[in-house]
């Protein structure tokens, strides 16, 4: 009976947080997500921060978090009888895409990645991961040789409370696997390629036959929005005064980023940056994969 009740309670809490994450701007009690860990005690109550006072906790980095529609942060410290301590931070970013965006802006280009929540990585004394619309950062102090196991235990407990079935944004599956630099995917919410009118871009880095380039996918809200975005972009091309913007392929000479190959279909714009002919085939592959989705 107790086990049955515990399962019902866990399912109910997961539903509560799923619904809360689905309602933009809704404040929630993130502190109840911090689990009890055997051998560790919570040091005081969790601290909570919001957009207007996030700088008090991460002064120099607050702007980057706010750029990804940050909503709330809860911080809980743990300690044990050996004088060791852990800091656990839960950042709520309203959508899974924005959580992936802030996470991907901080993750290393080459790291020890593994499945935890949607995705996680570990460094010495650090374990960071995303789980749906939540970005979790765990750091341990003087944990010794068992430190990573302790952080992983805490991380899995947190992920289980938030969303045990969390996954990376589905859009990332449209990037071809061949030639892709492992774990190079990112999500850039604003000012993609330095242009205010380009936003919500999924990006992955590639290396093919010694040639480096970047593939990207922009998911717009409508075909009208996609056309408006492309018309603004095409207007920057001083080498082509009368570009034809229509579904299909388009090349723009970006005055700041060089030649940009694009393909427009429906609400999606995919393309590449980097002077390499190899990118053309990959853009076609992205467009085909998007059509399948």
Protein backbone atom coordinates (compact mmCIF):
# COMPACT_ATOMS: atom_id res chain seq x y z
CA UNK A 1 0.00 0.00 0.00
CA UNK A 2 2.80 2.44 0.91
CA UNK A 3 4.60 1.70 -2.35
CA UNK A 4 1.37 2.22 -4.30
CA UNK A 5 0.82 5.57 -2.56
CA UNK A 6 4.39 6.67 -3.27
CA UNK A 7 3.99 5.90 -6.97
CA UNK A 8 0.72 7.84 -7.11
CA UNK A 9 2.31 10.79 -5.33
CA UNK A 10 5.32 10.78 -7.70
CA UNK A 11 3.02 10.70 -10.73
CA UNK A 12 0.92 13.52 -9.30
CA UNK A 13 3.98 15.72 -8.64
CA UNK A 14 5.31 15.09 -12.15
CA UNK A 15 1.92 16.15 -13.56
CA UNK A 16 1.90 19.31 -11.42
CA UNK A 17 5.30 20.40 -12.68
CA UNK A 18 4.49 19.47 -16.27
CA UNK A 19 1.39 21.68 -16.14
CA UNK A 20 3.31 24.49 -14.45
CA UNK A 21 5.98 24.39 -17.16
CA UNK A 22 3.27 24.47 -19.82
CA UNK A 23 1.86 27.74 -18.47
CA UNK A 24 4.24 30.58 -19.40
CA UNK A 25 5.04 33.05 -16.64
CA UNK A 26 3.62 30.92 -13.84
CA UNK A 27 5.59 31.11 -10.60
CA UNK A 28 6.15 27.78 -8.90
CA UNK A 29 7.74 26.43 -5.76
CA UNK A 30 10.96 24.99 -7.15
CA UNK A 31 12.19 24.28 -3.63
CA UNK A 32 9.97 21.22 -3.31
CA UNK A 33 11.99 19.57 -6.09
CA UNK A 34 15.12 19.28 -3.94
CA UNK A 35 15.21 15.67 -2.69
CA UNK A 36 16.49 14.26 0.57
CA UNK A 37 19.78 12.39 0.07
CA UNK A 38 20.99 9.71 2.48
CA UNK A 39 23.93 10.96 4.53
CA UNK A 40 23.33 14.60 3.60
CA UNK A 41 21.36 17.39 5.27
CA UNK A 42 19.83 20.47 3.70
CA UNK A 43 21.49 23.61 5.03
CA UNK A 44 18.65 26.02 5.68
CA UNK A 45 15.82 26.88 3.34
CA UNK A 46 16.28 27.17 -0.40
CA UNK A 47 16.92 30.65 -1.80
CA UNK A 48 14.76 31.84 -4.68
CA UNK A 49 15.60 34.40 -7.38
CA UNK A 50 13.59 35.97 -10.19
CA UNK A 51 14.50 37.98 -13.32
CA UNK A 52 14.63 41.25 -11.41
CA UNK A 53 17.15 40.03 -8.81
CA UNK A 54 19.04 37.22 -10.55
CA UNK A 55 22.11 39.48 -10.70
CA UNK A 56 22.41 39.16 -6.92
CA UNK A 57 23.34 35.51 -7.37
CA UNK A 58 25.14 35.43 -10.75
CA UNK A 59 25.95 39.05 -11.45
CA UNK A 60 28.22 38.63 -14.47
CA UNK A 61 26.18 35.88 -16.15
CA UNK A 62 22.63 37.08 -15.45
CA UNK A 63 22.25 38.71 -18.86
CA UNK A 64 22.83 35.44 -20.71
CA UNK A 65 20.16 33.66 -18.65
CA UNK A 66 17.68 36.51 -19.16
CA UNK A 67 18.27 36.27 -22.92
CA UNK A 68 16.77 32.77 -22.73
CA UNK A 69 13.56 33.86 -20.99
CA UNK A 70 14.68 32.94 -17.47
CA UNK A 71 11.77 32.78 -15.00
CA UNK A 72 13.04 31.51 -11.68
CA UNK A 73 16.02 30.05 -9.79
CA UNK A 74 16.09 28.02 -6.59
CA UNK A 75 19.34 27.25 -4.75
CA UNK A 76 19.71 24.60 -2.07
CA UNK A 77 22.91 23.77 -0.18
CA UNK A 78 23.64 20.35 1.30
CA UNK A 79 26.25 19.25 3.87
CA UNK A 80 27.34 16.03 5.55
CA UNK A 81 29.10 15.13 8.79
CA UNK A 82 32.51 15.06 7.06
CA UNK A 83 32.37 18.78 6.33
CA UNK A 84 31.68 18.27 2.64
CA UNK A 85 29.10 20.40 0.83
CA UNK A 86 27.02 20.50 -2.37
CA UNK A 87 25.29 23.40 -4.06
CA UNK A 88 22.24 22.58 -6.18
CA UNK A 89 20.75 25.18 -8.55
CA UNK A 90 17.51 24.78 -10.53
CA UNK A 91 16.88 27.34 -13.28
CA UNK A 92 13.43 27.39 -14.84
CA UNK A 93 13.31 28.78 -18.39
CA UNK A 94 9.65 28.41 -19.40
CA UNK A 95 10.30 26.08 -22.38
CA UNK A 96 12.53 23.08 -23.05
CA UNK A 97 14.03 24.92 -26.03
CA UNK A 98 15.13 27.87 -23.90
CA UNK A 99 16.53 25.59 -21.22
CA UNK A 100 18.52 23.78 -23.90
CA UNK A 101 19.62 27.16 -25.22
CA UNK A 102 21.18 28.40 -21.97
CA UNK A 103 22.64 24.96 -21.28
CA UNK A 104 24.17 24.74 -24.75
CA UNK A 105 25.66 28.22 -24.41
CA UNK A 106 27.63 27.04 -21.36
CA UNK A 107 28.43 23.42 -22.18
CA UNK A 108 31.98 22.55 -23.32
CA UNK A 109 32.74 21.77 -26.96
CA UNK A 110 34.24 18.45 -25.85
CA UNK A 111 33.12 16.96 -22.58
CA UNK A 112 31.98 13.88 -20.69
CA UNK A 113 28.34 13.74 -21.81
CA UNK A 114 25.80 11.18 -20.66
CA UNK A 115 22.07 10.58 -20.35
CA UNK A 116 20.62 12.44 -17.37
CA UNK A 117 17.31 14.20 -17.79
CA UNK A 118 17.45 15.44 -21.38
CA UNK A 119 21.28 15.51 -21.40
CA UNK A 120 24.09 16.16 -18.94
CA UNK A 121 27.85 16.50 -18.67
CA UNK A 122 30.36 16.21 -15.86
CA UNK A 123 33.59 17.97 -15.00
CA UNK A 124 35.70 17.92 -11.85
CA UNK A 125 33.29 18.64 -8.99
CA UNK A 126 30.52 19.69 -11.40
CA UNK A 127 27.48 18.04 -12.94
CA UNK A 128 25.16 20.10 -15.16
CA UNK A 129 22.11 18.86 -17.04
CA UNK A 130 18.77 19.86 -18.50
CA UNK A 131 15.43 18.25 -17.88
CA UNK A 132 12.54 19.63 -19.93
CA UNK A 133 12.35 23.38 -19.16
CA UNK A 134 14.80 23.14 -16.24
CA UNK A 135 18.56 23.68 -16.23
CA UNK A 136 20.19 22.09 -13.18
CA UNK A 137 23.73 22.86 -11.99
CA UNK A 138 25.31 20.79 -9.22
CA UNK A 139 28.70 21.51 -7.70
CA UNK A 140 30.50 19.68 -4.90
CA UNK A 141 33.30 20.81 -2.63
CA UNK A 142 35.98 18.48 -1.24
CA UNK A 143 33.90 15.41 -2.17
CA UNK A 144 36.90 13.18 -2.82
CA UNK A 145 36.99 10.16 -5.12
CA UNK A 146 33.26 9.41 -4.69
CA UNK A 147 32.22 12.95 -5.59
CA UNK A 148 30.87 12.22 -9.05
CA UNK A 149 28.71 9.37 -7.74
CA UNK A 150 27.23 11.67 -5.10
CA UNK A 151 26.40 14.36 -7.65
CA UNK A 152 24.95 11.77 -10.04
CA UNK A 153 22.72 10.37 -7.29
CA UNK A 154 21.40 13.85 -6.53
CA UNK A 155 20.99 14.61 -10.24
CA UNK A 156 18.99 11.46 -10.94
CA UNK A 157 16.73 12.16 -7.96
CA UNK A 158 16.06 15.66 -9.29
CA UNK A 159 15.43 14.44 -12.84
CA UNK A 160 12.99 11.84 -11.52
CA UNK A 161 10.99 14.53 -9.75
CA UNK A 162 10.90 16.87 -12.76
CA UNK A 163 10.35 14.62 -15.79
CA UNK A 164 11.62 11.05 -16.00
CA UNK A 165 10.91 10.98 -19.76
CA UNK A 166 12.62 14.24 -20.71
CA UNK A 167 14.44 14.36 -24.06
CA UNK A 168 16.36 16.83 -26.19
CA UNK A 169 14.32 19.04 -28.56
CA UNK A 170 13.00 16.94 -31.42
CA UNK A 171 14.22 19.47 -33.98
CA UNK A 172 17.81 18.35 -33.37
CA UNK A 173 16.99 15.01 -34.99
CA UNK A 174 16.77 16.77 -38.38
CA UNK A 175 20.54 17.35 -38.44
CA UNK A 176 22.35 14.61 -40.42
CA UNK A 177 24.67 12.47 -38.32
CA UNK A 178 27.50 12.09 -40.84
CA UNK A 179 30.15 14.76 -40.38
CA UNK A 180 28.47 16.34 -37.38
CA UNK A 181 30.82 17.30 -34.57
CA UNK A 182 29.57 15.36 -31.55
CA UNK A 183 27.54 17.40 -29.04
CA UNK A 184 28.00 20.63 -31.01
CA UNK A 185 24.26 21.33 -31.16
CA UNK A 186 23.02 24.64 -29.77
CA UNK A 187 19.86 26.74 -29.68
CA UNK A 188 20.18 30.50 -30.17
CA UNK A 189 17.00 32.35 -29.23
CA UNK A 190 17.91 35.89 -30.25
CA UNK A 191 20.20 37.73 -32.68
CA UNK A 192 21.26 34.71 -34.68
CA UNK A 193 24.29 35.56 -36.86
CA UNK A 194 24.17 38.99 -35.27
CA UNK A 195 20.79 39.95 -36.83
CA UNK A 196 17.87 40.97 -34.62
CA UNK A 197 15.30 39.61 -37.12
CA UNK A 198 16.83 36.09 -37.06
CA UNK A 199 15.78 34.15 -33.98
CA UNK A 200 15.03 30.69 -32.59
CA UNK A 201 17.81 28.92 -34.49
CA UNK A 202 19.00 25.38 -33.88
CA UNK A 203 22.65 25.03 -34.83
CA UNK A 204 25.14 22.18 -35.32
CA UNK A 205 28.79 22.27 -36.39
CA UNK A 206 30.17 20.02 -39.14
CA UNK A 207 33.52 18.97 -40.51
CA UNK A 208 33.52 17.19 -43.88
CA UNK A 209 36.74 16.38 -45.78
CA UNK A 210 38.60 19.03 -43.85
CA UNK A 211 35.92 21.64 -44.52
CA UNK A 212 34.15 23.28 -41.58
CA UNK A 213 30.66 24.73 -41.72
CA UNK A 214 27.59 25.25 -39.60
CA UNK A 215 24.06 24.03 -40.33
CA UNK A 216 21.05 25.75 -38.83
CA UNK A 217 17.27 25.42 -38.65
CA UNK A 218 14.95 28.31 -37.88
CA UNK A 219 11.41 27.40 -36.90
CA UNK A 220 9.12 30.37 -37.57
CA UNK A 221 5.52 30.71 -36.47
CA UNK A 222 4.08 30.88 -39.99
CA UNK A 223 4.94 31.02 -43.68
CA UNK A 224 4.28 34.77 -43.58
CA UNK A 225 6.81 35.19 -40.77
CA UNK A 226 9.34 33.08 -42.66
CA UNK A 227 8.93 35.24 -45.78
CA UNK A 228 9.26 38.47 -43.79
CA UNK A 229 12.41 37.17 -42.14
CA UNK A 230 13.96 36.21 -45.48
CA UNK A 231 12.99 39.50 -47.14
CA UNK A 232 14.73 41.44 -44.36
CA UNK A 233 17.77 39.22 -44.73
CA UNK A 234 17.85 39.50 -48.52
CA UNK A 235 17.72 43.30 -48.25
CA UNK A 236 21.20 43.19 -46.70
CA UNK A 237 22.70 41.61 -49.82
CA UNK A 238 24.36 44.50 -51.63
CA UNK A 239 25.59 42.22 -54.42
CA UNK A 240 22.06 41.22 -55.42
CA UNK A 241 19.77 44.24 -55.45
CA UNK A 242 16.64 42.35 -56.50
CA UNK A 243 16.71 38.90 -54.85
CA UNK A 244 13.72 36.64 -55.46
CA UNK A 245 12.38 35.33 -52.16
CA UNK A 246 10.29 32.23 -52.71
CA UNK A 247 10.13 28.67 -51.34
CA UNK A 248 13.21 26.67 -52.23
CA UNK A 249 16.87 27.59 -52.36
CA UNK A 250 18.29 31.06 -51.79
CA UNK A 251 21.83 32.41 -51.47
CA UNK A 252 22.52 35.61 -49.54
CA UNK A 253 25.81 37.47 -49.36
CA UNK A 254 25.69 38.48 -45.70
CA UNK A 255 27.92 41.55 -45.27
CA UNK A 256 29.00 40.31 -41.84
CA UNK A 257 29.02 36.51 -42.21
CA UNK A 258 29.83 35.93 -45.85
CA UNK A 259 27.92 33.58 -48.15
CA UNK A 260 24.84 31.99 -46.54
CA UNK A 261 23.01 29.15 -48.28
CA UNK A 262 19.31 28.85 -47.38
CA UNK A 263 16.34 26.63 -48.11
CA UNK A 264 12.79 27.70 -47.25
CA UNK A 265 9.83 25.36 -46.95
CA UNK A 266 6.66 26.20 -45.03
CA UNK A 267 7.46 27.53 -41.57
CA UNK A 268 11.06 26.26 -41.65
CA UNK A 269 14.22 27.92 -42.90
CA UNK A 270 17.37 25.82 -42.96
CA UNK A 271 20.79 26.84 -44.14
CA UNK A 272 24.53 26.90 -43.68
CA UNK A 273 27.31 29.34 -42.96
CA UNK A 274 30.86 28.68 -44.04
CA UNK A 275 32.46 28.83 -47.50
CA UNK A 276 32.24 25.20 -48.49
CA UNK A 277 30.33 23.50 -51.34
CA UNK A 278 29.88 20.41 -49.17
CA UNK A 279 27.19 22.21 -47.19
CA UNK A 280 24.70 22.24 -50.09
CA UNK A 281 23.99 18.50 -49.89
CA UNK A 282 23.61 18.71 -46.13
CA UNK A 283 21.01 21.46 -46.40
CA UNK A 284 19.00 19.22 -48.70
CA UNK A 285 19.26 16.41 -46.12
CA UNK A 286 18.04 18.74 -43.36
CA UNK A 287 15.06 19.80 -45.49
CA UNK A 288 14.16 16.14 -46.17
CA UNK A 289 14.42 15.28 -42.47
CA UNK A 290 12.22 18.24 -41.52
CA UNK A 291 9.59 17.09 -44.02
CA UNK A 292 9.59 13.66 -42.35
CA UNK A 293 9.04 15.23 -38.93
